[in-house]
Protein backbone atom coordinates (compact mmCIF):
# COMPACT_ATOMS: atom_id res chain seq x y z
CA MET A 1 7.39 -108.08 57.91
CA ASN A 2 9.88 -105.27 58.43
CA GLN A 3 13.54 -105.24 57.48
CA ILE A 4 14.77 -106.22 60.95
CA GLU A 5 12.43 -109.21 61.00
CA LYS A 6 13.74 -110.30 57.60
CA LEU A 7 17.34 -110.00 58.80
CA GLN A 8 16.43 -111.90 61.96
CA ASP A 9 15.00 -114.73 59.84
CA ILE A 10 18.20 -114.83 57.78
CA LEU A 11 20.23 -114.79 61.00
CA ASN A 12 18.27 -117.75 62.37
CA ASP A 13 18.94 -119.68 59.15
CA GLU A 14 22.64 -118.89 59.31
CA ILE A 15 22.80 -120.06 62.94
CA ALA A 16 21.06 -123.31 62.00
CA HIS A 17 23.53 -123.87 59.15
CA GLN A 18 26.47 -123.12 61.39
CA LEU A 19 25.25 -125.64 63.96
CA PHE A 20 24.71 -128.23 61.22
CA TYR A 21 28.26 -127.84 59.89
CA ASN A 22 29.75 -127.90 63.38
CA GLU A 23 27.82 -131.00 64.47
CA HIS A 24 28.92 -132.90 61.39
CA ALA A 25 32.51 -131.68 61.49
CA VAL A 26 33.06 -133.20 64.92
CA ARG A 27 31.74 -136.59 63.73
CA ILE A 28 33.64 -136.84 60.44
CA THR A 29 36.84 -138.86 60.50
CA ASP A 30 38.11 -137.77 57.07
CA SER A 31 40.35 -134.77 57.72
CA ALA A 32 39.74 -133.07 54.35
CA THR A 33 35.97 -133.28 54.77
CA ARG A 34 36.21 -132.11 58.37
CA GLN A 35 38.34 -129.15 57.29
CA PHE A 36 35.82 -128.26 54.59
CA LEU A 37 32.92 -128.37 57.05
CA MET A 38 34.88 -126.24 59.52
CA GLN A 39 35.52 -123.67 56.79
CA LEU A 40 31.80 -123.56 56.00
CA ARG A 41 31.07 -123.21 59.73
CA ASP A 42 33.52 -120.34 60.02
CA ASP A 43 32.02 -118.62 56.98
CA LYS A 44 28.59 -118.86 58.59
CA MET A 45 29.99 -117.40 61.81
CA ARG A 46 31.25 -114.36 59.89
CA ASN A 47 27.81 -113.95 58.34
CA ILE A 48 26.20 -114.25 61.78
CA THR A 49 28.44 -111.55 63.18
CA LEU A 50 27.68 -109.20 60.27
CA LEU A 51 23.94 -109.78 60.56
CA GLN A 52 23.95 -109.23 64.32
CA THR A 53 25.88 -106.01 63.87
CA GLU A 54 23.47 -104.76 61.22
CA ILE A 55 20.41 -105.66 63.31
CA ASP A 56 21.86 -103.89 66.35
CA LYS A 57 22.66 -100.82 64.26
CA MET A 58 19.15 -100.69 62.84
CA ARG A 59 17.61 -101.05 66.30
CA LYS A 60 19.73 -98.19 67.63
CA GLN A 61 18.52 -96.06 64.71
CA GLY A 62 14.95 -96.86 65.67
CA LYS A 63 14.15 -98.93 62.60
CA VAL A 64 12.13 -101.45 64.57
């Protein structure tokens, strides 16, 4: 498994976590818990963006 494949696996995990937090945040009625889940979701989104950027950069450099 090369480095891009490893990053892609991590990216897929982060996307799954982000979806989990988002799905539960919309169902929760407690505002503090909802806010916490939304913060976790947003943190995952930042990680997703960073990973996608790094994967794209590596692909452009030919590190496939």
